[in-house]
Amino acid sequence: MIIIDSQAVKNTCNASVESKGFCFYKATNGIKRHLAIDTLGFPFFTHCTRANVSDDAGLIEMFTLNIDYFKSKPIDIPKITILLDHGYHPEYLTQELEQIYPEIMTKIQFQLSTKPSKL
């Protein structure tokens, strides 16, 4: 299982204009860190973008940069479950990733995490 999320954060004042953007959801001017971790919390993939890049676009970029990992996985083992929060759109991700690597969905599956209940 791989757990994926992103975080919009302010970056330093000496960062270039090209490297930062504005995240309307978090009202943050800076960068967005996209992180994929395993079930023990160890980083699997990381990727930084401008804060205005969507979670979906950041995940696609991160997977594109690391596509060799997925290409090297044998088909005869169980699929890797990718756990996502509700900021991601699995149907859109599936379409976009299949354009990059058509066999990727034979090796991974998306699962949306449950929303926390209000107690």
N, C-alpha and C. Protein backbone atom coordinates (compact mmCIF):
# COMPACT_ATOMS: atom_id res chain seq x y z
N MET A 1 0.85 -1.17 0.00
CA MET A 1 0.00 0.00 0.00
C MET A 1 0.89 1.24 0.00
N ILE A 2 0.48 2.22 -0.78
CA ILE A 2 1.14 3.53 -0.81
C ILE A 2 0.09 4.57 -0.47
N ILE A 3 0.40 5.45 0.45
CA ILE A 3 -0.49 6.53 0.86
C ILE A 3 0.03 7.82 0.25
N ILE A 4 -0.85 8.57 -0.40
CA ILE A 4 -0.43 9.79 -1.10
C ILE A 4 -1.23 10.98 -0.60
N ASP A 5 -0.53 12.08 -0.37
CA ASP A 5 -1.18 13.34 -0.01
C ASP A 5 -0.26 14.48 -0.41
N SER A 6 -0.79 15.68 -0.34
CA SER A 6 0.00 16.86 -0.66
C SER A 6 -0.21 17.92 0.41
N GLN A 7 0.72 18.85 0.47
CA GLN A 7 0.68 19.89 1.49
C GLN A 7 1.17 21.20 0.87
N ALA A 8 0.34 22.22 0.91
CA ALA A 8 0.74 23.54 0.44
C ALA A 8 1.40 24.28 1.60
N VAL A 9 2.60 24.80 1.36
CA VAL A 9 3.36 25.48 2.41
C VAL A 9 3.97 26.76 1.86
N LYS A 10 4.19 27.71 2.75
CA LYS A 10 4.89 28.92 2.36
C LYS A 10 6.36 28.58 2.17
N ASN A 11 6.97 29.17 1.15
CA ASN A 11 8.40 28.95 0.98
C ASN A 11 9.15 30.23 1.29
N THR A 12 10.44 30.19 1.24
CA THR A 12 11.27 31.30 1.69
C THR A 12 11.06 32.54 0.83
N CYS A 13 11.42 33.65 1.40
CA CYS A 13 11.23 34.92 0.70
C CYS A 13 12.16 35.06 -0.51
N ASN A 14 13.24 34.31 -0.55
CA ASN A 14 14.16 34.43 -1.68
C ASN A 14 13.88 33.39 -2.77
N ALA A 15 12.73 32.73 -2.72
CA ALA A 15 12.36 31.79 -3.77
C ALA A 15 11.97 32.57 -5.02
N SER A 16 12.23 31.99 -6.16
CA SER A 16 11.92 32.67 -7.42
C SER A 16 10.42 32.66 -7.68
N VAL A 17 9.98 33.60 -8.49
CA VAL A 17 8.57 33.71 -8.84
C VAL A 17 8.09 32.45 -9.57
N GLU A 18 8.97 31.84 -10.36
CA GLU A 18 8.60 30.65 -11.12
C GLU A 18 8.34 29.44 -10.23
N SER A 19 8.91 29.42 -9.03
CA SER A 19 8.81 28.23 -8.18
C SER A 19 7.65 28.29 -7.19
N LYS A 20 6.93 29.40 -7.12
CA LYS A 20 5.84 29.44 -6.16
C LYS A 20 4.54 29.88 -6.82
N GLY A 21 3.43 29.50 -6.20
CA GLY A 21 2.11 29.84 -6.70
C GLY A 21 1.17 30.01 -5.51
N PHE A 22 -0.10 30.27 -5.79
CA PHE A 22 -1.07 30.51 -4.73
C PHE A 22 -2.09 29.39 -4.69
N CYS A 23 -2.22 28.72 -3.56
CA CYS A 23 -3.20 27.66 -3.35
C CYS A 23 -4.46 28.30 -2.76
N PHE A 24 -5.54 28.34 -3.54
CA PHE A 24 -6.77 28.96 -3.06
C PHE A 24 -7.40 28.17 -1.92
N TYR A 25 -7.29 26.86 -1.97
CA TYR A 25 -7.89 26.00 -0.95
C TYR A 25 -7.29 26.27 0.43
N LYS A 26 -5.98 26.43 0.50
CA LYS A 26 -5.30 26.67 1.78
C LYS A 26 -4.95 28.14 2.00
N ALA A 27 -5.22 28.98 0.99
CA ALA A 27 -4.86 30.40 1.05
C ALA A 27 -3.38 30.57 1.39
N THR A 28 -2.55 29.83 0.66
CA THR A 28 -1.11 29.83 0.91
C THR A 28 -0.37 30.20 -0.37
N ASN A 29 0.56 31.12 -0.24
CA ASN A 29 1.42 31.50 -1.35
C ASN A 29 2.74 30.78 -1.17
N GLY A 30 3.06 29.83 -2.04
CA GLY A 30 4.30 29.09 -1.88
C GLY A 30 4.38 27.89 -2.77
N ILE A 31 4.72 26.74 -2.18
CA ILE A 31 4.90 25.50 -2.93
C ILE A 31 3.96 24.43 -2.40
N LYS A 32 3.86 23.35 -3.16
CA LYS A 32 3.08 22.20 -2.71
C LYS A 32 4.00 20.98 -2.75
N ARG A 33 4.03 20.27 -1.63
CA ARG A 33 4.82 19.05 -1.52
C ARG A 33 3.89 17.86 -1.72
N HIS A 34 4.21 17.02 -2.69
CA HIS A 34 3.45 15.81 -2.95
C HIS A 34 4.28 14.67 -2.40
N LEU A 35 3.68 13.85 -1.56
CA LEU A 35 4.42 12.80 -0.88
C LEU A 35 3.68 11.47 -0.97
N ALA A 36 4.41 10.44 -1.33
CA ALA A 36 3.90 9.06 -1.32
C ALA A 36 4.71 8.31 -0.27
N ILE A 37 4.01 7.70 0.68
CA ILE A 37 4.70 6.97 1.75
C ILE A 37 4.18 5.54 1.80
N ASP A 38 4.97 4.66 2.42
CA ASP A 38 4.50 3.29 2.63
C ASP A 38 3.75 3.23 3.96
N THR A 39 3.29 2.06 4.34
CA THR A 39 2.46 1.92 5.54
C THR A 39 3.22 2.18 6.84
N LEU A 40 4.55 2.19 6.77
CA LEU A 40 5.35 2.50 7.95
C LEU A 40 5.69 4.00 8.03
N GLY A 41 5.30 4.76 7.01
CA GLY A 41 5.55 6.19 6.99
C GLY A 41 6.84 6.59 6.32
N PHE A 42 7.52 5.64 5.70
CA PHE A 42 8.77 5.96 5.00
C PHE A 42 8.46 6.53 3.62
N PRO A 43 9.18 7.58 3.20
CA PRO A 43 8.94 8.18 1.88
C PRO A 43 9.20 7.19 0.75
N PHE A 44 8.29 7.18 -0.18
CA PHE A 44 8.39 6.31 -1.34
C PHE A 44 8.75 7.16 -2.55
N PHE A 45 7.94 8.19 -2.83
CA PHE A 45 8.19 9.18 -3.87
C PHE A 45 7.92 10.55 -3.27
N THR A 46 8.64 11.57 -3.74
CA THR A 46 8.36 12.95 -3.36
C THR A 46 8.43 13.82 -4.61
N HIS A 47 7.70 14.92 -4.59
CA HIS A 47 7.70 15.83 -5.73
C HIS A 47 7.23 17.20 -5.23
N CYS A 48 7.89 18.26 -5.66
CA CYS A 48 7.48 19.63 -5.30
C CYS A 48 7.00 20.37 -6.54
N THR A 49 5.92 21.12 -6.37
CA THR A 49 5.36 21.93 -7.45
C THR A 49 4.98 23.30 -6.88
N ARG A 50 4.53 24.18 -7.75
CA ARG A 50 3.95 25.44 -7.29
C ARG A 50 2.67 25.11 -6.52
N ALA A 51 2.29 25.96 -5.60
CA ALA A 51 1.13 25.68 -4.75
C ALA A 51 -0.18 25.63 -5.53
N ASN A 52 -0.23 26.26 -6.70
CA ASN A 52 -1.47 26.28 -7.46
C ASN A 52 -1.69 25.03 -8.31
N VAL A 53 -0.76 24.08 -8.28
CA VAL A 53 -0.93 22.82 -9.01
C VAL A 53 -1.89 21.93 -8.22
N SER A 54 -2.86 21.34 -8.92
CA SER A 54 -3.84 20.49 -8.24
C SER A 54 -3.20 19.22 -7.71
N ASP A 55 -3.87 18.59 -6.75
CA ASP A 55 -3.39 17.32 -6.21
C ASP A 55 -3.27 16.27 -7.32
N ASP A 56 -4.28 16.22 -8.19
CA ASP A 56 -4.26 15.26 -9.29
C ASP A 56 -3.05 15.48 -10.21
N ALA A 57 -2.83 16.73 -10.61
CA ALA A 57 -1.72 17.04 -11.52
C ALA A 57 -0.37 16.73 -10.86
N GLY A 58 -0.26 17.01 -9.57
CA GLY A 58 0.98 16.70 -8.86
C GLY A 58 1.24 15.21 -8.78
N LEU A 59 0.19 14.42 -8.55
CA LEU A 59 0.35 12.96 -8.52
C LEU A 59 0.75 12.44 -9.88
N ILE A 60 0.15 12.95 -10.94
CA ILE A 60 0.49 12.51 -12.30
C ILE A 60 1.95 12.84 -12.60
N GLU A 61 2.40 14.04 -12.24
CA GLU A 61 3.80 14.41 -12.45
C GLU A 61 4.73 13.49 -11.66
N MET A 62 4.37 13.23 -10.39
CA MET A 62 5.20 12.39 -9.53
C MET A 62 5.31 10.97 -10.10
N PHE A 63 4.18 10.41 -10.55
CA PHE A 63 4.21 9.07 -11.13
C PHE A 63 4.96 9.05 -12.47
N THR A 64 4.82 10.11 -13.26
CA THR A 64 5.52 10.18 -14.53
C THR A 64 7.03 10.16 -14.32
N LEU A 65 7.49 10.91 -13.33
CA LEU A 65 8.92 10.94 -13.03
C LEU A 65 9.44 9.60 -12.51
N ASN A 66 8.54 8.80 -11.94
CA ASN A 66 8.93 7.50 -11.36
C ASN A 66 8.28 6.33 -12.09
N ILE A 67 7.95 6.51 -13.36
CA ILE A 67 7.21 5.48 -14.11
C ILE A 67 8.00 4.18 -14.25
N ASP A 68 9.32 4.26 -14.20
CA ASP A 68 10.13 3.04 -14.31
C ASP A 68 9.86 2.07 -13.17
N TYR A 69 9.52 2.61 -11.99
CA TYR A 69 9.18 1.74 -10.85
C TYR A 69 7.97 0.86 -11.21
N PHE A 70 6.95 1.48 -11.80
CA PHE A 70 5.74 0.74 -12.14
C PHE A 70 5.97 -0.20 -13.33
N LYS A 71 6.78 0.22 -14.27
CA LYS A 71 7.09 -0.64 -15.42
C LYS A 71 7.85 -1.88 -14.99
N SER A 72 8.67 -1.77 -13.96
CA SER A 72 9.48 -2.92 -13.52
C SER A 72 8.70 -3.91 -12.65
N LYS A 73 7.51 -3.53 -12.18
CA LYS A 73 6.72 -4.44 -11.34
C LYS A 73 6.12 -5.57 -12.18
N PRO A 74 6.27 -6.82 -11.74
CA PRO A 74 5.66 -7.94 -12.47
C PRO A 74 4.14 -7.86 -12.41
N ILE A 75 3.49 -8.37 -13.43
CA ILE A 75 2.02 -8.35 -13.49
C ILE A 75 1.41 -9.42 -12.61
N ASP A 76 2.15 -10.50 -12.35
CA ASP A 76 1.58 -11.64 -11.63
C ASP A 76 1.57 -11.50 -10.11
N ILE A 77 1.93 -10.32 -9.57
CA ILE A 77 1.82 -10.09 -8.13
C ILE A 77 0.57 -9.24 -7.86
N PRO A 78 0.08 -9.22 -6.62
CA PRO A 78 -1.11 -8.41 -6.33
C PRO A 78 -0.87 -6.92 -6.64
N LYS A 79 -1.96 -6.26 -7.00
CA LYS A 79 -1.88 -4.83 -7.32
C LYS A 79 -1.46 -4.03 -6.09
N ILE A 80 -0.77 -2.94 -6.33
CA ILE A 80 -0.42 -2.00 -5.26
C ILE A 80 -1.63 -1.10 -5.04
N THR A 81 -2.10 -1.01 -3.80
CA THR A 81 -3.21 -0.12 -3.47
C THR A 81 -2.66 1.26 -3.18
N ILE A 82 -3.22 2.26 -3.87
CA ILE A 82 -2.84 3.66 -3.68
C ILE A 82 -3.99 4.31 -2.90
N LEU A 83 -3.73 4.66 -1.64
CA LEU A 83 -4.75 5.27 -0.78
C LEU A 83 -4.71 6.78 -0.95
N LEU A 84 -5.86 7.37 -1.28
CA LEU A 84 -5.97 8.80 -1.56
C LEU A 84 -7.03 9.42 -0.67
N ASP A 85 -6.90 10.73 -0.40
CA ASP A 85 -7.98 11.42 0.28
C ASP A 85 -8.97 11.94 -0.78
N HIS A 86 -9.96 12.69 -0.34
CA HIS A 86 -11.03 13.10 -1.26
C HIS A 86 -10.67 14.31 -2.10
N GLY A 87 -9.41 14.76 -2.06
CA GLY A 87 -8.94 15.82 -2.95
C GLY A 87 -8.51 15.28 -4.30
N TYR A 88 -8.54 13.97 -4.46
CA TYR A 88 -8.12 13.32 -5.70
C TYR A 88 -9.33 12.74 -6.42
N HIS A 89 -9.20 12.53 -7.71
CA HIS A 89 -10.28 12.01 -8.54
C HIS A 89 -9.77 10.76 -9.28
N PRO A 90 -10.02 9.56 -8.73
CA PRO A 90 -9.47 8.33 -9.29
C PRO A 90 -9.80 8.08 -10.77
N GLU A 91 -11.00 8.44 -11.21
CA GLU A 91 -11.37 8.21 -12.61
C GLU A 91 -10.48 9.05 -13.53
N TYR A 92 -10.28 10.30 -13.18
CA TYR A 92 -9.42 11.18 -13.97
C TYR A 92 -7.97 10.68 -13.94
N LEU A 93 -7.50 10.31 -12.76
CA LEU A 93 -6.13 9.80 -12.63
C LEU A 93 -5.92 8.56 -13.49
N THR A 94 -6.89 7.67 -13.48
CA THR A 94 -6.79 6.45 -14.28
C THR A 94 -6.63 6.77 -15.76
N GLN A 95 -7.46 7.68 -16.27
CA GLN A 95 -7.39 8.06 -17.68
C GLN A 95 -6.04 8.66 -18.04
N GLU A 96 -5.57 9.58 -17.20
CA GLU A 96 -4.31 10.26 -17.50
C GLU A 96 -3.11 9.33 -17.39
N LEU A 97 -3.09 8.48 -16.36
CA LEU A 97 -1.95 7.57 -16.19
C LEU A 97 -1.92 6.49 -17.27
N GLU A 98 -3.07 6.07 -17.76
CA GLU A 98 -3.09 5.08 -18.84
C GLU A 98 -2.55 5.65 -20.14
N GLN A 99 -2.63 6.97 -20.32
CA GLN A 99 -2.04 7.60 -21.50
C GLN A 99 -0.52 7.58 -21.41
N ILE A 100 0.01 7.66 -20.19
CA ILE A 100 1.45 7.66 -19.98
C ILE A 100 2.00 6.24 -20.06
N TYR A 101 1.30 5.31 -19.40
CA TYR A 101 1.73 3.90 -19.37
C TYR A 101 0.46 3.04 -19.39
N PRO A 102 0.07 2.52 -20.56
CA PRO A 102 -1.22 1.82 -20.69
C PRO A 102 -1.45 0.66 -19.72
N GLU A 103 -0.40 -0.03 -19.28
CA GLU A 103 -0.57 -1.20 -18.41
C GLU A 103 -0.56 -0.86 -16.92
N ILE A 104 -0.53 0.43 -16.58
CA ILE A 104 -0.36 0.79 -15.16
C ILE A 104 -1.51 0.29 -14.29
N MET A 105 -2.72 0.25 -14.81
CA MET A 105 -3.86 -0.15 -13.98
C MET A 105 -3.90 -1.66 -13.76
N THR A 106 -3.03 -2.42 -14.43
CA THR A 106 -2.89 -3.84 -14.12
C THR A 106 -1.98 -4.04 -12.92
N LYS A 107 -1.30 -2.95 -12.49
CA LYS A 107 -0.34 -3.03 -11.40
C LYS A 107 -0.74 -2.23 -10.16
N ILE A 108 -1.66 -1.25 -10.33
CA ILE A 108 -2.10 -0.44 -9.19
C ILE A 108 -3.62 -0.37 -9.16
N GLN A 109 -4.13 0.01 -8.00
CA GLN A 109 -5.56 0.30 -7.86
C GLN A 109 -5.70 1.46 -6.88
N PHE A 110 -6.66 2.33 -7.14
CA PHE A 110 -6.89 3.47 -6.26
C PHE A 110 -7.97 3.14 -5.24
N GLN A 111 -7.80 3.67 -4.05
CA GLN A 111 -8.81 3.53 -3.01
C GLN A 111 -8.91 4.87 -2.29
N LEU A 112 -10.13 5.40 -2.17
CA LEU A 112 -10.33 6.64 -1.43
C LEU A 112 -10.46 6.31 0.05
N SER A 113 -9.79 7.09 0.88
CA SER A 113 -9.88 6.87 2.32
C SER A 113 -11.25 7.30 2.81
N THR A 114 -11.67 6.74 3.91
CA THR A 114 -12.96 7.13 4.48
C THR A 114 -12.81 8.51 5.12
N LYS A 115 -13.89 9.26 5.06
CA LYS A 115 -13.88 10.57 5.70
C LYS A 115 -13.99 10.38 7.20
N PRO A 116 -13.24 11.18 7.96
CA PRO A 116 -13.34 11.04 9.42
C PRO A 116 -14.75 11.40 9.89
N SER A 117 -15.26 10.63 10.84
CA SER A 117 -16.60 10.91 11.35
C SER A 117 -16.53 11.99 12.43
N LYS A 118 -17.62 12.73 12.54
CA LYS A 118 -17.71 13.76 13.58
C LYS A 118 -18.27 13.13 14.84
N LEU A 119 -17.47 13.13 15.88
CA LEU A 119 -17.90 12.50 17.13
C LEU A 119 -18.44 13.52 18.09
